[in-house]
N, C-alpha and C. Protein backbone atom coordinates (compact mmCIF):
# COMPACT_ATOMS: atom_id res chain seq x y z
N UNK A 1 226.26 177.96 124.54
CA UNK A 1 227.30 178.81 124.01
C UNK A 1 228.41 179.01 125.04
N UNK A 2 228.02 179.26 126.29
CA UNK A 2 229.02 179.49 127.34
C UNK A 2 229.87 178.25 127.55
N UNK A 3 229.26 177.07 127.46
CA UNK A 3 230.00 175.83 127.63
C UNK A 3 231.02 175.64 126.51
N UNK A 4 230.65 176.02 125.29
CA UNK A 4 231.58 175.90 124.16
C UNK A 4 232.79 176.80 124.36
N UNK A 5 232.57 177.99 124.87
CA UNK A 5 233.69 178.92 125.11
C UNK A 5 234.65 178.36 126.15
N UNK A 6 234.10 177.79 127.22
CA UNK A 6 234.96 177.17 128.24
C UNK A 6 235.75 176.02 127.65
N UNK A 7 235.12 175.26 126.80
CA UNK A 7 235.79 174.12 126.17
C UNK A 7 236.95 174.60 125.30
N UNK A 8 236.74 175.66 124.56
CA UNK A 8 237.81 176.20 123.71
C UNK A 8 238.95 176.71 124.57
N UNK A 9 238.66 177.45 125.62
CA UNK A 9 239.72 177.99 126.46
C UNK A 9 240.46 176.90 127.22
N UNK A 10 239.78 175.83 127.54
CA UNK A 10 240.46 174.71 128.22
C UNK A 10 241.45 174.01 127.29
N UNK A 11 241.31 174.21 126.01
CA UNK A 11 242.27 173.67 125.06
C UNK A 11 243.32 174.71 124.70
N UNK A 12 242.91 175.96 124.56
CA UNK A 12 243.82 177.02 124.12
C UNK A 12 244.86 177.34 125.19
N UNK A 13 244.47 177.42 126.43
CA UNK A 13 245.40 177.79 127.50
C UNK A 13 246.56 176.80 127.62
N UNK A 14 246.30 175.48 127.65
CA UNK A 14 247.46 174.57 127.69
C UNK A 14 248.33 174.64 126.43
N UNK A 15 247.70 174.89 125.28
CA UNK A 15 248.51 175.03 124.06
C UNK A 15 249.41 176.26 124.14
N UNK A 16 248.88 177.36 124.66
CA UNK A 16 249.69 178.57 124.83
C UNK A 16 250.82 178.32 125.82
N UNK A 17 250.52 177.62 126.91
CA UNK A 17 251.55 177.29 127.90
C UNK A 17 252.61 176.38 127.28
N UNK A 18 252.18 175.44 126.45
CA UNK A 18 253.12 174.55 125.79
C UNK A 18 254.05 175.33 124.87
N UNK A 19 253.50 176.21 124.06
CA UNK A 19 254.32 177.01 123.15
C UNK A 19 255.26 177.92 123.94
N UNK A 20 254.73 178.57 124.97
CA UNK A 20 255.57 179.46 125.78
C UNK A 20 256.70 178.68 126.46
N UNK A 21 256.39 177.50 126.95
CA UNK A 21 257.42 176.67 127.59
C UNK A 21 258.50 176.24 126.61
N UNK A 22 258.09 175.81 125.43
CA UNK A 22 259.07 175.39 124.44
C UNK A 22 259.92 176.55 123.95
N UNK A 23 259.30 177.71 123.75
CA UNK A 23 260.06 178.89 123.32
C UNK A 23 261.03 179.32 124.42
N UNK A 24 260.57 179.32 125.66
CA UNK A 24 261.43 179.68 126.78
C UNK A 24 262.60 178.71 126.88
N UNK A 25 262.30 177.44 126.73
CA UNK A 25 263.36 176.44 126.83
C UNK A 25 264.36 176.54 125.68
N UNK A 26 263.88 176.87 124.52
CA UNK A 26 264.76 176.89 123.36
C UNK A 26 265.58 178.17 123.23
N UNK A 27 265.01 179.30 123.61
CA UNK A 27 265.65 180.57 123.32
C UNK A 27 266.43 181.20 124.46
N UNK A 28 266.25 180.72 125.68
CA UNK A 28 266.99 181.30 126.80
C UNK A 28 268.38 180.69 126.90
N UNK A 29 269.31 181.52 127.29
CA UNK A 29 270.68 181.02 127.45
C UNK A 29 270.93 180.49 128.87
N UNK A 30 270.13 180.92 129.83
CA UNK A 30 270.30 180.46 131.21
C UNK A 30 269.75 179.04 131.36
N UNK A 31 270.56 178.17 131.94
CA UNK A 31 270.18 176.77 132.10
C UNK A 31 268.92 176.63 132.95
N UNK A 32 268.79 177.43 134.00
CA UNK A 32 267.62 177.36 134.88
C UNK A 32 266.35 177.69 134.13
N UNK A 33 266.42 178.69 133.24
CA UNK A 33 265.24 179.06 132.46
C UNK A 33 264.88 177.97 131.46
N UNK A 34 265.87 177.27 130.96
CA UNK A 34 265.61 176.16 130.05
C UNK A 34 264.84 175.06 130.78
N UNK A 35 265.22 174.78 132.01
CA UNK A 35 264.53 173.77 132.81
C UNK A 35 263.10 174.21 133.12
N UNK A 36 262.93 175.49 133.47
CA UNK A 36 261.59 176.02 133.75
C UNK A 36 260.72 175.91 132.50
N UNK A 37 261.27 176.25 131.34
CA UNK A 37 260.52 176.14 130.10
C UNK A 37 260.13 174.71 129.79
N UNK A 38 261.05 173.79 129.99
CA UNK A 38 260.75 172.37 129.75
C UNK A 38 259.68 171.88 130.73
N UNK A 39 259.75 172.33 131.98
CA UNK A 39 258.74 171.94 132.97
C UNK A 39 257.37 172.49 132.60
N UNK A 40 257.33 173.74 132.13
CA UNK A 40 256.05 174.32 131.71
C UNK A 40 255.47 173.56 130.53
N UNK A 41 256.31 173.17 129.59
CA UNK A 41 255.85 172.39 128.44
C UNK A 41 255.34 171.02 128.88
N UNK A 42 256.03 170.41 129.84
CA UNK A 42 255.59 169.10 130.35
C UNK A 42 254.25 169.21 131.06
N UNK A 43 254.08 170.26 131.87
CA UNK A 43 252.80 170.47 132.56
C UNK A 43 251.68 170.67 131.55
N UNK A 44 251.96 171.44 130.51
CA UNK A 44 250.95 171.67 129.48
C UNK A 44 250.58 170.38 128.76
N UNK A 45 251.57 169.52 128.49
CA UNK A 45 251.29 168.25 127.82
C UNK A 45 250.40 167.36 128.69
N UNK A 46 250.68 167.32 129.99
CA UNK A 46 249.85 166.54 130.89
C UNK A 46 248.44 167.12 130.98
N UNK A 47 248.35 168.44 131.02
CA UNK A 47 247.06 169.13 131.07
C UNK A 47 246.25 168.80 129.81
N UNK A 48 246.88 168.84 128.66
CA UNK A 48 246.20 168.50 127.41
C UNK A 48 245.73 167.05 127.41
N UNK A 49 246.58 166.17 127.88
CA UNK A 49 246.21 164.76 127.93
C UNK A 49 245.01 164.54 128.85
N UNK A 50 245.02 165.19 129.99
CA UNK A 50 243.91 165.05 130.93
C UNK A 50 242.61 165.61 130.36
N UNK A 51 242.70 166.73 129.66
CA UNK A 51 241.49 167.31 129.09
C UNK A 51 240.97 166.46 127.94
N UNK A 52 241.87 165.82 127.20
CA UNK A 52 241.44 164.94 126.11
C UNK A 52 240.73 163.70 126.66
N UNK A 53 241.20 163.21 127.81
CA UNK A 53 240.55 162.04 128.42
C UNK A 53 239.12 162.39 128.78
N UNK A 54 238.92 163.56 129.41
CA UNK A 54 237.57 164.00 129.77
C UNK A 54 236.68 164.18 128.57
N UNK A 55 237.23 164.75 127.49
CA UNK A 55 236.45 164.95 126.27
C UNK A 55 236.04 163.61 125.66
N UNK A 56 236.96 162.67 125.65
CA UNK A 56 236.65 161.37 125.06
C UNK A 56 235.56 160.67 125.84
N UNK A 57 235.58 160.78 127.17
CA UNK A 57 234.53 160.16 127.98
C UNK A 57 233.17 160.78 127.67
N UNK A 58 233.13 162.10 127.52
CA UNK A 58 231.88 162.78 127.18
C UNK A 58 231.40 162.38 125.80
N UNK A 59 232.32 162.30 124.85
CA UNK A 59 231.94 161.93 123.49
C UNK A 59 231.43 160.49 123.44
N UNK A 60 232.03 159.62 124.21
CA UNK A 60 231.58 158.22 124.23
C UNK A 60 230.15 158.13 124.75
N UNK A 61 229.84 158.92 125.76
CA UNK A 61 228.51 158.88 126.33
C UNK A 61 227.47 159.44 125.38
N UNK A 62 227.85 160.47 124.61
CA UNK A 62 226.91 161.12 123.68
C UNK A 62 226.72 160.35 122.39
N UNK A 63 227.78 159.86 121.83
CA UNK A 63 227.72 159.27 120.48
C UNK A 63 227.54 157.76 120.55
N UNK A 64 226.68 157.29 119.71
CA UNK A 64 226.49 155.84 119.57
C UNK A 64 226.91 155.46 118.16
N UNK A 65 228.21 155.44 117.92
CA UNK A 65 228.71 155.12 116.59
C UNK A 65 229.35 153.76 116.60
N UNK A 66 229.50 153.20 115.41
CA UNK A 66 230.13 151.89 115.30
C UNK A 66 231.66 152.01 115.30
N UNK A 67 232.18 153.20 114.99
CA UNK A 67 233.62 153.40 114.97
C UNK A 67 234.12 153.68 116.38
N UNK A 68 235.13 152.93 116.78
CA UNK A 68 235.67 153.09 118.13
C UNK A 68 236.53 154.36 118.18
N UNK A 69 236.30 155.24 119.17
CA UNK A 69 237.09 156.47 119.26
C UNK A 69 238.53 156.18 119.71
N UNK A 70 239.41 157.10 119.38
CA UNK A 70 240.81 156.97 119.78
C UNK A 70 240.94 157.03 121.29
N UNK A 71 241.89 156.29 121.80
CA UNK A 71 242.23 156.40 123.22
C UNK A 71 243.09 157.65 123.41
N UNK A 72 243.22 158.13 124.62
CA UNK A 72 243.98 159.36 124.87
C UNK A 72 245.43 159.20 124.44
N UNK A 73 246.00 158.03 124.59
CA UNK A 73 247.41 157.82 124.27
C UNK A 73 247.64 157.66 122.76
N UNK A 74 246.58 157.60 121.97
CA UNK A 74 246.71 157.52 120.52
C UNK A 74 246.65 158.88 119.85
N UNK A 75 246.42 159.91 120.62
CA UNK A 75 246.25 161.25 120.08
C UNK A 75 247.59 161.91 119.77
N UNK A 76 247.74 162.47 118.57
CA UNK A 76 248.98 163.20 118.25
C UNK A 76 249.12 164.46 119.10
N UNK A 77 248.01 164.98 119.59
CA UNK A 77 248.06 166.16 120.44
C UNK A 77 248.80 165.87 121.74
N UNK A 78 248.83 164.63 122.14
CA UNK A 78 249.58 164.23 123.34
C UNK A 78 251.03 163.90 122.98
N UNK A 79 251.25 163.15 121.92
CA UNK A 79 252.58 162.63 121.63
C UNK A 79 253.54 163.65 121.03
N UNK A 80 253.06 164.58 120.23
CA UNK A 80 253.96 165.57 119.63
C UNK A 80 254.67 166.40 120.70
N UNK A 81 253.96 166.97 121.70
CA UNK A 81 254.67 167.70 122.74
C UNK A 81 255.61 166.81 123.57
N UNK A 82 255.20 165.58 123.82
CA UNK A 82 256.06 164.68 124.59
C UNK A 82 257.35 164.39 123.82
N UNK A 83 257.24 164.14 122.54
CA UNK A 83 258.43 163.90 121.71
C UNK A 83 259.31 165.13 121.67
N UNK A 84 258.68 166.32 121.57
CA UNK A 84 259.46 167.56 121.55
C UNK A 84 260.20 167.76 122.86
N UNK A 85 259.55 167.48 123.97
CA UNK A 85 260.18 167.65 125.29
C UNK A 85 261.32 166.65 125.46
N UNK A 86 261.11 165.41 125.05
CA UNK A 86 262.17 164.40 125.16
C UNK A 86 263.36 164.79 124.29
N UNK A 87 263.09 165.25 123.08
CA UNK A 87 264.17 165.69 122.21
C UNK A 87 264.94 166.85 122.80
N UNK A 88 264.23 167.78 123.40
CA UNK A 88 264.88 168.93 124.02
C UNK A 88 265.75 168.49 125.20
N UNK A 89 265.21 167.64 126.05
CA UNK A 89 265.97 167.17 127.21
C UNK A 89 267.20 166.37 126.77
N UNK A 90 267.07 165.58 125.72
CA UNK A 90 268.22 164.87 125.20
C UNK A 90 269.29 165.83 124.66
N UNK A 91 268.84 166.89 124.01
CA UNK A 91 269.82 167.87 123.51
C UNK A 91 270.52 168.57 124.66
N UNK A 92 269.82 168.80 125.76
CA UNK A 92 270.45 169.39 126.95
C UNK A 92 271.50 168.44 127.52
N UNK A 93 271.15 167.17 127.59
CA UNK A 93 272.08 166.19 128.16
C UNK A 93 273.32 166.03 127.29
N UNK A 94 273.15 166.11 125.99
CA UNK A 94 274.29 165.94 125.10
C UNK A 94 275.21 167.16 125.07
N UNK A 95 274.70 168.31 125.45
CA UNK A 95 275.53 169.52 125.49
C UNK A 95 276.46 169.54 126.69
N UNK A 96 276.01 168.99 127.81
CA UNK A 96 276.80 169.10 129.05
C UNK A 96 277.61 167.89 129.28
């Protein structure tokens, strides 16, 4: 039970950081805060990707299925934040 709770929090905390970073980047008028928000979102995306890699390795060791599991780079949980961050950074570049 304790291990399951840690697993949930290891996913929830980066998601919260990602949302907070994107909101900070989108809603602040100060350019410096926008950069800080984008950096927080990028850190959260990397954190999520790293945690997904560890989970996939554990699942591979436990499960003996015929279906090949997704690689970390195939996960939408990784690509959606990356696309959002790239879109945000492009919008910043086009404004200035």
